[in-house]
Every structure is written in structure tokens, then in C-alpha cells.
PDB file of N, CA and C in Angstrom:
ATOM      1  N   MET A   1    -191.832 104.731  89.023  1.00  0.00           N
ATOM      2  CA  MET A   1    -191.208 104.220  87.505  1.00  0.00           C
ATOM      3  C   MET A   1    -191.264 104.546  85.746  1.00  0.00           C
ATOM      4  N   ASN A   2    -190.846 105.636  85.582  1.00  0.00           N
ATOM      5  CA  ASN A   2    -191.421 105.454  83.698  1.00  0.00           C
ATOM      6  C   ASN A   2    -190.507 104.191  83.218  1.00  0.00           C
ATOM      7  N   THR A   3    -191.351 103.411  82.236  1.00  0.00           N
ATOM      8  CA  THR A   3    -190.800 102.985  81.785  1.00  0.00           C
ATOM      9  C   THR A   3    -190.659 102.829  80.477  1.00  0.00           C
ATOM     10  N   TYR A   4    -190.144 102.481  79.706  1.00  0.00           N
ATOM     11  CA  TYR A   4    -190.484 102.756  77.460  1.00  0.00           C
ATOM     12  C   TYR A   4    -190.254 101.480  77.057  1.00  0.00           C
ATOM     13  N   LYS A   5    -190.484 101.285  76.385  1.00  0.00           N
ATOM     14  CA  LYS A   5    -190.710 100.317  75.412  1.00  0.00           C
ATOM     15  C   LYS A   5    -190.658 100.818  74.211  1.00  0.00           C
ATOM     16  N   SER A   6    -189.592 100.035  73.604  1.00  0.00           N
ATOM     17  CA  SER A   6    -189.336  99.219  71.701  1.00  0.00           C
ATOM     18  C   SER A   6    -189.135  98.500  71.440  1.00  0.00           C
ATOM     19  N   THR A   7    -189.393  98.107  69.566  1.00  0.00           N
ATOM     20  CA  THR A   7    -189.029  96.733  69.628  1.00  0.00           C
ATOM     21  C   THR A   7    -188.617  95.981  69.789  1.00  0.00           C
ATOM     22  N   LEU A   8    -187.086  97.048  70.787  1.00  0.00           N
ATOM     23  CA  LEU A   8    -185.948  96.546  70.433  1.00  0.00           C
ATOM     24  C   LEU A   8    -185.432  95.715  71.760  1.00  0.00           C
ATOM     25  N   PHE A   9    -186.275  96.701  72.669  1.00  0.00           N
ATOM     26  CA  PHE A   9    -185.367  96.684  73.855  1.00  0.00           C
ATOM     27  C   PHE A   9    -186.218  97.096  75.178  1.00  0.00           C
ATOM     28  N   GLN A  10    -186.532  96.478  76.194  1.00  0.00           N
ATOM     29  CA  GLN A  10    -186.852  97.909  77.357  1.00  0.00           C
ATOM     30  C   GLN A  10    -186.316  98.186  77.973  1.00  0.00           C
ATOM     31  N   THR A  11    -186.635  99.944  78.819  1.00  0.00           N
ATOM     32  CA  THR A  11    -185.457 100.985  79.376  1.00  0.00           C
ATOM     33  C   THR A  11    -186.501 101.205  80.840  1.00  0.00           C
ATOM     34  N   LYS A  12    -185.396 101.328  81.669  1.00  0.00           N
ATOM     35  CA  LYS A  12    -186.743 101.961  83.200  1.00  0.00           C
ATOM     36  C   LYS A  12    -185.661 102.833  83.491  1.00  0.00           C
ATOM     37  N   ARG A  13    -186.052 103.627  84.145  1.00  0.00           N
ATOM     38  CA  ARG A  13    -185.362 104.920  84.985  1.00  0.00           C
ATOM     39  C   ARG A  13    -184.528 103.681  86.582  1.00  0.00           C
ATOM     40  N   ILE A  14    -183.555 103.691  86.362  1.00  0.00           N
ATOM     41  CA  ILE A  14    -182.675 102.874  87.524  1.00  0.00           C
ATOM     42  C   ILE A  14    -183.006 103.926  89.380  1.00  0.00           C
ATOM     43  N   PRO A  15    -183.513 102.418  90.170  1.00  0.00           N
ATOM     44  CA  PRO A  15    -183.913 102.905  91.325  1.00  0.00           C
ATOM     45  C   PRO A  15    -182.429 103.294  91.751  1.00  0.00           C
ATOM     46  N   GLY A  16    -182.659 105.047  93.059  1.00  0.00           N
ATOM     47  CA  GLY A  16    -181.775 105.915  93.424  1.00  0.00           C
ATOM     48  C   GLY A  16    -180.373 106.477  92.294  1.00  0.00           C
ATOM     49  N   PHE A  17    -180.841 106.253  91.505  1.00  0.00           N
ATOM     50  CA  PHE A  17    -180.200 107.270  89.691  1.00  0.00           C
ATOM     51  C   PHE A  17    -181.130 107.713  89.262  1.00  0.00           C
ATOM     52  N   PRO A  18    -182.234 108.528  89.115  1.00  0.00           N
ATOM     53  CA  PRO A  18    -182.777 108.832  88.334  1.00  0.00           C
ATOM     54  C   PRO A  18    -182.271 109.326  86.811  1.00  0.00           C
ATOM     55  N   SER A  19    -181.282 110.451  87.207  1.00  0.00           N
ATOM     56  CA  SER A  19    -181.138 110.576  86.822  1.00  0.00           C
ATOM     57  C   SER A  19    -180.583 109.559  85.042  1.00  0.00           C
ATOM     58  N   TYR A  20    -180.519 108.016  85.215  1.00  0.00           N
ATOM     59  CA  TYR A  20    -179.547 107.021  84.703  1.00  0.00           C
ATOM     60  C   TYR A  20    -181.027 106.092  84.398  1.00  0.00           C
ATOM     61  N   ILE A  21    -180.477 105.952  82.776  1.00  0.00           N
ATOM     62  CA  ILE A  21    -181.287 104.437  82.571  1.00  0.00           C
ATOM     63  C   ILE A  21    -180.978 103.595  81.425  1.00  0.00           C
ATOM     64  N   VAL A  22    -181.514 101.601  82.473  1.00  0.00           N
ATOM     65  CA  VAL A  22    -181.027 101.052  81.644  1.00  0.00           C
ATOM     66  C   VAL A  22    -182.008 100.615  81.105  1.00  0.00           C
ATOM     67  N   THR A  23    -181.824  99.666  80.439  1.00  0.00           N
ATOM     68  CA  THR A  23    -182.213  98.502  79.036  1.00  0.00           C
ATOM     69  C   THR A  23    -182.177  97.352  79.221  1.00  0.00           C
ATOM     70  N   ASP A  24    -182.677  96.612  78.884  1.00  0.00           N
ATOM     71  CA  ASP A  24    -183.032  95.233  80.191  1.00  0.00           C
ATOM     72  C   ASP A  24    -181.641  94.420  79.608  1.00  0.00           C
ATOM     73  N   SER A  25    -181.554  94.579  78.062  1.00  0.00           N
ATOM     74  CA  SER A  25    -180.573  94.338  77.120  1.00  0.00           C
ATOM     75  C   SER A  25    -179.108  94.947  78.134  1.00  0.00           C
ATOM     76  N   GLY A  26    -178.539  95.977  79.251  1.00  0.00           N
ATOM     77  CA  GLY A  26    -178.069  95.832  80.432  1.00  0.00           C
ATOM     78  C   GLY A  26    -177.015  97.252  79.164  1.00  0.00           C
ATOM     79  N   ILE A  27    -177.490  97.762  77.924  1.00  0.00           N
ATOM     80  CA  ILE A  27    -176.911  99.082  78.077  1.00  0.00           C
ATOM     81  C   ILE A  27    -177.680 100.042  79.146  1.00  0.00           C
ATOM     82  N   VAL A  28    -176.249 100.564  79.822  1.00  0.00           N
ATOM     83  CA  VAL A  28    -176.883 102.494  80.730  1.00  0.00           C
ATOM     84  C   VAL A  28    -176.956 103.773  80.631  1.00  0.00           C
ATOM     85  N   PHE A  29    -177.542 104.512  79.823  1.00  0.00           N
ATOM     86  CA  PHE A  29    -177.333 106.459  79.290  1.00  0.00           C
ATOM     87  C   PHE A  29    -177.571 106.674  80.549  1.00  0.00           C
ATOM     88  N   GLY A  30    -177.112 107.540  79.919  1.00  0.00           N
ATOM     89  CA  GLY A  30    -176.947 109.097  81.364  1.00  0.00           C
ATOM     90  C   GLY A  30    -177.310 110.629  80.815  1.00  0.00           C
ATOM     91  N   PRO A  31    -177.608 111.617  81.006  1.00  0.00           N
ATOM     92  CA  PRO A  31    -177.721 112.698  80.988  1.00  0.00           C
ATOM     93  C   PRO A  31    -176.632 113.693  80.591  1.00  0.00           C
ATOM     94  N   ARG A  32    -175.128 112.892  81.166  1.00  0.00           N
ATOM     95  CA  ARG A  32    -174.161 113.683  80.251  1.00  0.00           C
ATOM     96  C   ARG A  32    -174.952 113.693  78.539  1.00  0.00           C
ATOM     97  N   ASN A  33    -175.003 112.757  78.382  1.00  0.00           N
ATOM     98  CA  ASN A  33    -175.083 112.536  76.654  1.00  0.00           C
ATOM     99  C   ASN A  33    -176.348 112.475  76.010  1.00  0.00           C
ATOM    100  N   GLY A  34    -177.078 113.126  76.716  1.00  0.00           N
ATOM    101  CA  GLY A  34    -178.891 113.273  76.332  1.00  0.00           C
ATOM    102  C   GLY A  34    -179.620 112.803  76.248  1.00  0.00           C
ATOM    103  N   PHE A  35    -178.484 111.398  77.017  1.00  0.00           N
ATOM    104  CA  PHE A  35    -179.158 109.914  76.479  1.00  0.00           C
ATOM    105  C   PHE A  35    -179.374 109.256  74.480  1.00  0.00           C
ATOM    106  N   ASP A  36    -178.670 109.956  74.587  1.00  0.00           N
ATOM    107  CA  ASP A  36    -178.245 109.523  72.777  1.00  0.00           C
ATOM    108  C   ASP A  36    -177.603 108.659  72.847  1.00  0.00           C
ATOM    109  N   GLU A  37    -176.026 108.368  73.859  1.00  0.00           N
ATOM    110  CA  GLU A  37    -174.856 107.249  73.518  1.00  0.00           C
ATOM    111  C   GLU A  37    -174.865 106.305  74.518  1.00  0.00           C
ATOM    112  N   PRO A  38    -174.164 105.164  74.720  1.00  0.00           N
ATOM    113  CA  PRO A  38    -174.752 104.505  75.995  1.00  0.00           C
ATOM    114  C   PRO A  38    -173.459 104.949  76.761  1.00  0.00           C
ATOM    115  N   LEU A  39    -173.232 104.977  78.137  1.00  0.00           N
ATOM    116  CA  LEU A  39    -171.959 105.483  78.353  1.00  0.00           C
ATOM    117  C   LEU A  39    -171.037 104.478  78.424  1.00  0.00           C
ATOM    118  N   SER A  40    -169.998 105.355  79.042  1.00  0.00           N
ATOM    119  CA  SER A  40    -168.744 103.766  78.245  1.00  0.00           C
ATOM    120  C   SER A  40    -168.807 103.348  80.142  1.00  0.00           C
ATOM    121  N   SER A  41    -168.207 101.261  79.872  1.00  0.00           N
ATOM    122  CA  SER A  41    -168.463 101.272  80.375  1.00  0.00           C
ATOM    123  C   SER A  41    -166.110 100.238  80.982  1.00  0.00           C
ATOM    124  N   THR A  42    -166.430 100.075  81.999  1.00  0.00           N
ATOM    125  CA  THR A  42    -164.947  99.613  81.906  1.00  0.00           C
ATOM    126  C   THR A  42    -165.502  97.478  82.434  1.00  0.00           C
ATOM    127  N   LEU A  43    -164.057  96.972  81.931  1.00  0.00           N
ATOM    128  CA  LEU A  43    -164.263  95.861  82.035  1.00  0.00           C
ATOM    129  C   LEU A  43    -163.394  95.485  83.125  1.00  0.00           C
ATOM    130  N   ARG A  44    -163.709  94.779  84.446  1.00  0.00           N
ATOM    131  CA  ARG A  44    -163.348  94.830  85.705  1.00  0.00           C
ATOM    132  C   ARG A  44    -162.306  93.451  85.742  1.00  0.00           C
ATOM    133  N   PRO A  45    -161.936  93.384  86.807  1.00  0.00           N
ATOM    134  CA  PRO A  45    -160.823  91.096  86.815  1.00  0.00           C
ATOM    135  C   PRO A  45    -161.274  90.796  85.731  1.00  0.00           C
ATOM    136  N   ASP A  46    -162.658  90.305  87.390  1.00  0.00           N
ATOM    137  CA  ASP A  46    -163.857  89.331  87.414  1.00  0.00           C
ATOM    138  C   ASP A  46    -164.601  89.314  85.874  1.00  0.00           C
ATOM    139  N   GLY A  47    -163.959  90.391  85.004  1.00  0.00           N
ATOM    140  CA  GLY A  47    -165.413  89.501  83.633  1.00  0.00           C
ATOM    141  C   GLY A  47    -166.439  90.543  84.491  1.00  0.00           C
ATOM    142  N   ARG A  48    -166.546  91.240  84.750  1.00  0.00           N
ATOM    143  CA  ARG A  48    -167.413  92.216  85.214  1.00  0.00           C
ATOM    144  C   ARG A  48    -167.714  93.620  84.564  1.00  0.00           C
ATOM    145  N   LEU A  49    -169.609  93.854  83.598  1.00  0.00           N
ATOM    146  CA  LEU A  49    -169.183  95.632  83.065  1.00  0.00           C
ATOM    147  C   LEU A  49    -169.424  96.473  84.567  1.00  0.00           C
ATOM    148  N   TRP A  50    -168.451  97.622  84.472  1.00  0.00           N
ATOM    149  CA  TRP A  50    -168.396  98.372  85.368  1.00  0.00           C
ATOM    150  C   TRP A  50    -168.755 100.191  84.414  1.00  0.00           C
ATOM    151  N   VAL A  51    -170.211 101.009  86.013  1.00  0.00           N
ATOM    152  CA  VAL A  51    -169.717 102.109  85.104  1.00  0.00           C
ATOM    153  C   VAL A  51    -169.934 103.682  86.228  1.00  0.00           C
ATOM    154  N   GLN A  52    -169.749 103.991  85.834  1.00  0.00           N
ATOM    155  CA  GLN A  52    -169.729 105.241  86.761  1.00  0.00           C
ATOM    156  C   GLN A  52    -170.769 106.430  86.788  1.00  0.00           C
ATOM    157  N   LEU A  53    -171.327 106.856  87.853  1.00  0.00           N
ATOM    158  CA  LEU A  53    -172.696 107.054  87.645  1.00  0.00           C
ATOM    159  C   LEU A  53    -172.776 108.011  88.856  1.00  0.00           C
ATOM    160  N   VAL A  54    -173.373 109.875  88.820  1.00  0.00           N
ATOM    161  CA  VAL A  54    -173.268 110.585  89.992  1.00  0.00           C
ATOM    162  C   VAL A  54    -174.361 110.161  90.595  1.00  0.00           C
ATOM    163  N   ALA A  55    -174.133 109.732  91.983  1.00  0.00           N
ATOM    164  CA  ALA A  55    -175.970 110.014  92.792  1.00  0.00           C
ATOM    165  C   ALA A  55    -176.718 111.488  92.757  1.00  0.00           C
ATOM    166  N   PRO A  56    -177.474 111.408  93.807  1.00  0.00           N
ATOM    167  CA  PRO A  56    -178.407 112.912  93.473  1.00  0.00           C
ATOM    168  C   PRO A  56    -178.023 113.677  94.045  1.00  0.00           C
ATOM    169  N   ASN A  57    -177.069 113.012  95.705  1.00  0.00           N
ATOM    170  CA  ASN A  57    -176.850 114.095  96.193  1.00  0.00           C
ATOM    171  C   ASN A  57    -174.543 114.711  95.702  1.00  0.00           C
ATOM    172  N   GLY A  58    -174.642 114.363  93.947  1.00  0.00           N
ATOM    173  CA  GLY A  58    -173.934 114.474  93.808  1.00  0.00           C
ATOM    174  C   GLY A  58    -171.922 113.519  93.253  1.00  0.00           C
ATOM    175  N   THR A  59    -172.626 112.410  94.598  1.00  0.00           N
ATOM    176  CA  THR A  59    -170.960 111.795  94.538  1.00  0.00           C
ATOM    177  C   THR A  59    -171.397 110.374  93.673  1.00  0.00           C
ATOM    178  N   GLY A  60    -170.404 110.447  92.964  1.00  0.00           N
ATOM    179  CA  GLY A  60    -170.167 109.495  92.039  1.00  0.00           C
ATOM    180  C   GLY A  60    -169.988 107.895  92.582  1.00  0.00           C
ATOM    181  N   ARG A  61    -170.408 107.170  91.601  1.00  0.00           N
ATOM    182  CA  ARG A  61    -170.416 105.634  91.273  1.00  0.00           C
ATOM    183  C   ARG A  61    -170.148 105.267  90.930  1.00  0.00           C
ATOM    184  N   HIS A  62    -169.089 103.920  91.487  1.00  0.00           N
ATOM    185  CA  HIS A  62    -169.120 102.794  90.326  1.00  0.00           C
ATOM    186  C   HIS A  62    -170.114 102.160  90.701  1.00  0.00           C
ATOM    187  N   LYS A  63    -170.509 101.678  89.728  1.00  0.00           N
ATOM    188  CA  LYS A  63    -171.459 100.578  89.897  1.00  0.00           C
ATOM    189  C   LYS A  63    -171.511  99.357  88.565  1.00  0.00           C
ATOM    190  N   GLY A  64    -171.846  97.691  89.195  1.00  0.00           N
ATOM    191  CA  GLY A  64    -171.947  97.009  87.786  1.00  0.00           C
ATOM    192  C   GLY A  64    -172.772  96.819  87.505  1.00  0.00           C
ATOM    193  N   ILE A  65    -172.683  96.913  86.349  1.00  0.00           N
ATOM    194  CA  ILE A  65    -174.314  96.620  84.961  1.00  0.00           C
ATOM    195  C   ILE A  65    -174.816  96.292  85.683  1.00  0.00           C
ATOM    196  N   ASP A  66    -174.625  95.085  86.194  1.00  0.00           N
ATOM    197  CA  ASP A  66    -175.545  93.627  86.119  1.00  0.00           C
ATOM    198  C   ASP A  66    -176.305  93.804  87.112  1.00  0.00           C
ATOM    199  N   ARG A  67    -175.495  94.363  88.442  1.00  0.00           N
ATOM    200  CA  ARG A  67    -176.499  94.862  89.507  1.00  0.00           C
ATOM    201  C   ARG A  67    -177.800  95.880  89.669  1.00  0.00           C
ATOM    202  N   LEU A  68    -177.274  96.835  88.525  1.00  0.00           N
ATOM    203  CA  LEU A  68    -178.287  97.840  87.882  1.00  0.00           C
ATOM    204  C   LEU A  68    -179.026  96.961  87.380  1.00  0.00           C
ATOM    205  N   VAL A  69    -178.832  95.983  86.315  1.00  0.00           N
ATOM    206  CA  VAL A  69    -179.962  95.398  86.077  1.00  0.00           C
ATOM    207  C   VAL A  69    -180.904  94.726  86.374  1.00  0.00           C
ATOM    208  N   CYS A  70    -180.267  93.719  87.030  1.00  0.00           N
ATOM    209  CA  CYS A  70    -181.227  93.377  87.995  1.00  0.00           C
ATOM    210  C   CYS A  70    -181.351  93.955  89.354  1.00  0.00           C
ATOM    211  N   MET A  71    -181.379  94.727  90.212  1.00  0.00           N
ATOM    212  CA  MET A  71    -182.455  95.553  90.710  1.00  0.00           C
ATOM    213  C   MET A  71    -183.390  95.834  89.916  1.00  0.00           C
ATOM    214  N   THR A  72    -183.025  96.565  88.917  1.00  0.00           N
ATOM    215  CA  THR A  72    -184.268  97.366  88.005  1.00  0.00           C
ATOM    216  C   THR A  72    -185.047  96.260  87.645  1.00  0.00           C
ATOM    217  N   PHE A  73    -185.357  95.911  86.714  1.00  0.00           N
ATOM    218  CA  PHE A  73    -185.953  94.663  86.404  1.00  0.00           C
ATOM    219  C   PHE A  73    -186.586  93.778  86.836  1.00  0.00           C
ATOM    220  N   ASN A  74    -185.660  93.310  88.034  1.00  0.00           N
ATOM    221  CA  ASN A  74    -185.735  91.794  88.465  1.00  0.00           C
ATOM    222  C   ASN A  74    -186.080  92.656  90.394  1.00  0.00           C
ATOM    223  N   GLY A  75    -186.711  93.643  90.503  1.00  0.00           N
ATOM    224  CA  GLY A  75    -186.432  94.000  92.067  1.00  0.00           C
ATOM    225  C   GLY A  75    -185.300  94.541  92.500  1.00  0.00           C
ATOM    226  N   PRO A  76    -185.686  94.930  94.041  1.00  0.00           N
ATOM    227  CA  PRO A  76    -184.251  94.948  94.610  1.00  0.00           C
ATOM    228  C   PRO A  76    -183.627  93.872  95.455  1.00  0.00           C
ATOM    229  N   SER A  77    -182.795  94.289  96.080  1.00  0.00           N
ATOM    230  CA  SER A  77    -181.526  93.610  96.392  1.00  0.00           C
ATOM    231  C   SER A  77    -182.205  92.303  97.610  1.00  0.00           C
ATOM    232  N   PRO A  78    -182.464  91.375  98.352  1.00  0.00           N
ATOM    233  CA  PRO A  78    -182.660  90.678  99.631  1.00  0.00           C
ATOM    234  C   PRO A  78    -181.261  91.181 100.823  1.00  0.00           C
ATOM    235  N   THR A  79    -180.448  91.743  99.834  1.00  0.00           N
ATOM    236  CA  THR A  79    -179.353  92.355 101.594  1.00  0.00           C
ATOM    237  C   THR A  79    -178.321  93.111 100.323  1.00  0.00           C
ATOM    238  N   PRO A  80    -178.120  94.569 100.861  1.00  0.00           N
ATOM    239  CA  PRO A  80    -177.302  94.965 100.472  1.00  0.00           C
ATOM    240  C   PRO A  80    -176.040  94.709  99.925  1.00  0.00           C
ATOM    241  N   ARG A  81    -175.407  93.249 100.759  1.00  0.00           N
ATOM    242  CA  ARG A  81    -174.549  92.394 100.459  1.00  0.00           C
ATOM    243  C   ARG A  81    -174.789  91.065  98.986  1.00  0.00           C
ATOM    244  N   THR A  82    -176.104  90.353  98.880  1.00  0.00           N
ATOM    245  CA  THR A  82    -176.414  89.707  97.719  1.00  0.00           C
ATOM    246  C   THR A  82    -176.157  90.069  96.055  1.00  0.00           C
ATOM    247  N   ARG A  83    -175.201  88.879  95.776  1.00  0.00           N
ATOM    248  CA  ARG A  83    -174.602  89.201  94.361  1.00  0.00           C
ATOM    249  C   ARG A  83    -175.669  88.448  93.917  1.00  0.00           C
ATOM    250  N   VAL A  84    -174.671  89.210  92.518  1.00  0.00           N
ATOM    251  CA  VAL A  84    -175.557  88.919  91.374  1.00  0.00           C
ATOM    252  C   VAL A  84    -174.982  87.133  90.274  1.00  0.00           C
ATOM    253  N   ARG A  85    -176.293  86.638  89.858  1.00  0.00           N
ATOM    254  CA  ARG A  85    -175.942  85.309  89.330  1.00  0.00           C
ATOM    255  C   ARG A  85    -176.259  85.174  88.126  1.00  0.00           C
ATOM    256  N   HIS A  86    -174.908  85.717  86.840  1.00  0.00           N
ATOM    257  CA  HIS A  86    -175.254  85.366  85.590  1.00  0.00           C
ATOM    258  C   HIS A  86    -176.098  83.626  85.414  1.00  0.00           C
ATOM    259  N   ILE A  87    -177.115  83.476  84.377  1.00  0.00           N
ATOM    260  CA  ILE A  87    -177.578  81.800  84.975  1.00  0.00           C
ATOM    261  C   ILE A  87    -176.666  81.564  83.426  1.00  0.00           C
ATOM    262  N   ASP A  88    -175.979  81.113  83.429  1.00  0.00           N
ATOM    263  CA  ASP A  88    -175.478  81.329  81.795  1.00  0.00           C
ATOM    264  C   ASP A  88    -173.946  81.200  82.356  1.00  0.00           C
ATOM    265  N   GLY A  89    -173.283  82.124  83.438  1.00  0.00           N
ATOM    266  CA  GLY A  89    -171.789  81.742  83.887  1.00  0.00           C
ATOM    267  C   GLY A  89    -170.725  83.125  83.446  1.00  0.00           C
ATOM    268  N   ASP A  90    -171.693  84.013  82.544  1.00  0.00           N
ATOM    269  CA  ASP A  90    -170.963  84.628  81.162  1.00  0.00           C
ATOM    270  C   ASP A  90    -171.116  86.176  82.404  1.00  0.00           C
ATOM    271  N   PRO A  91    -169.755  86.918  82.413  1.00  0.00           N
ATOM    272  CA  PRO A  91    -170.214  87.765  83.393  1.00  0.00           C
ATOM    273  C   PRO A  91    -170.540  89.729  82.594  1.00  0.00           C
ATOM    274  N   ARG A  92    -170.042  89.007  81.639  1.00  0.00           N
ATOM    275  CA  ARG A  92    -170.508  89.948  80.527  1.00  0.00           C
ATOM    276  C   ARG A  92    -171.940  89.817  79.743  1.00  0.00           C
ATOM    277  N   ASN A  93    -172.788  88.646  80.730  1.00  0.00           N
ATOM    278  CA  ASN A  93    -174.413  89.244  79.702  1.00  0.00           C
ATOM    279  C   ASN A  93    -175.468  89.609  80.776  1.00  0.00           C
ATOM    280  N   ASN A  94    -175.522  90.309  80.944  1.00  0.00           N
ATOM    281  CA  ASN A  94    -176.230  91.316  81.621  1.00  0.00           C
ATOM    282  C   ASN A  94    -177.765  91.431  81.332  1.00  0.00           C
ATOM    283  N   ARG A  95    -178.666  91.003  80.488  1.00  0.00           N
ATOM    284  CA  ARG A  95    -179.462  90.535  80.110  1.00  0.00           C
ATOM    285  C   ARG A  95    -180.880  90.517  81.204  1.00  0.00           C
ATOM    286  N   ALA A  96    -180.954  90.718  81.070  1.00  0.00           N
ATOM    287  CA  ALA A  96    -182.189  90.835  82.497  1.00  0.00           C
ATOM    288  C   ALA A  96    -182.936  89.309  83.115  1.00  0.00           C
ATOM    289  N   GLU A  97    -183.023  88.688  81.902  1.00  0.00           N
ATOM    290  CA  GLU A  97    -184.012  87.229  81.494  1.00  0.00           C
ATOM    291  C   GLU A  97    -182.614  86.336  82.234  1.00  0.00           C
ATOM    292  N   ASN A  98    -181.382  87.224  82.724  1.00  0.00           N
ATOM    293  CA  ASN A  98    -179.801  86.182  82.443  1.00  0.00           C
ATOM    294  C   ASN A  98    -179.243  86.368  83.964  1.00  0.00           C
ATOM    295  N   LEU A  99    -180.219  87.223  85.033  1.00  0.00           N
ATOM    296  CA  LEU A  99    -179.486  87.858  86.316  1.00  0.00           C
ATOM    297  C   LEU A  99    -180.724  87.484  87.145  1.00  0.00           C
ATOM    298  N   VAL A 100    -180.209  86.333  88.682  1.00  0.00           N
ATOM    299  CA  VAL A 100    -181.041  86.752  89.440  1.00  0.00           C
ATOM    300  C   VAL A 100    -179.945  86.711  90.521  1.00  0.00           C
ATOM    301  N   TRP A 101    -181.053  87.339  91.312  1.00  0.00           N
ATOM    302  CA  TRP A 101    -180.565  87.082  93.137  1.00  0.00           C
ATOM    303  C   TRP A 101    -179.736  86.117  93.584  1.00  0.00           C
ATOM    304  N   ALA A 102    -178.367  85.676  93.938  1.00  0.00           N
ATOM    305  CA  ALA A 102    -178.014  85.071  94.070  1.00  0.00           C
ATOM    306  C   ALA A 102    -178.354  84.903  96.167  1.00  0.00           C
ATOM    307  N   ALA A 103    -178.486  83.320  95.966  1.00  0.00           N
ATOM    308  CA  ALA A 103    -179.088  82.705  96.968  1.00  0.00           C
ATOM    309  C   ALA A 103    -177.563  82.538  98.475  1.00  0.00           C
TER     310      ALA A 103
END
């Protein structure tokens, strides 16, 4: 997995979505905009931010940014249905250090 570091943030390729990268602060970049601008996100009723990605097989997938950051920086989900917990309780704070897999 490629990792890119800057003085402001760290980025990694998203597992399962190799054409996309995410920062440890929760910003997702994709190939459509040449990685120059973040993907636009949607605020869901539960307060979580989501983006639409295209999987390698060409299908569109809506994914929670919290889940993408957690699996990219904190490792894979223990089970497919395990939810992401925001340590500070703020569902819009998608920094890697604020996310853990819920027990």
C-alpha cells in the first residue's frame, strides 16, 4: 500500500478502492479530479459524511468517510457489520486518531 506523507497530513490508498486516497484527517481524493480537489461528500441524517466511489469492477458504492479512514489507518473491520465509533462523539470528526472499531 502506498503511503504519502506531508507536514500537514498522511495519505494512503483505500483498501478495495485502489484508485482513491484518503488522508488521516478524513479527506478523500479520487481520479476524476486528478487528486487535486477532495471528493464532495454528503451529510447523512445520522450526521455521518459519505462519498461515492467506483469499485474496480465499475460499480458505484456509497461509503462512510469514517469507515474508509478507520479501515485505511486502523486496520480492517473485525466483521463486515462492525460499526465505527467516534471517540469524541462527533460523527463529522473523521480524523484517524478519533476512530475505533466499535466493540
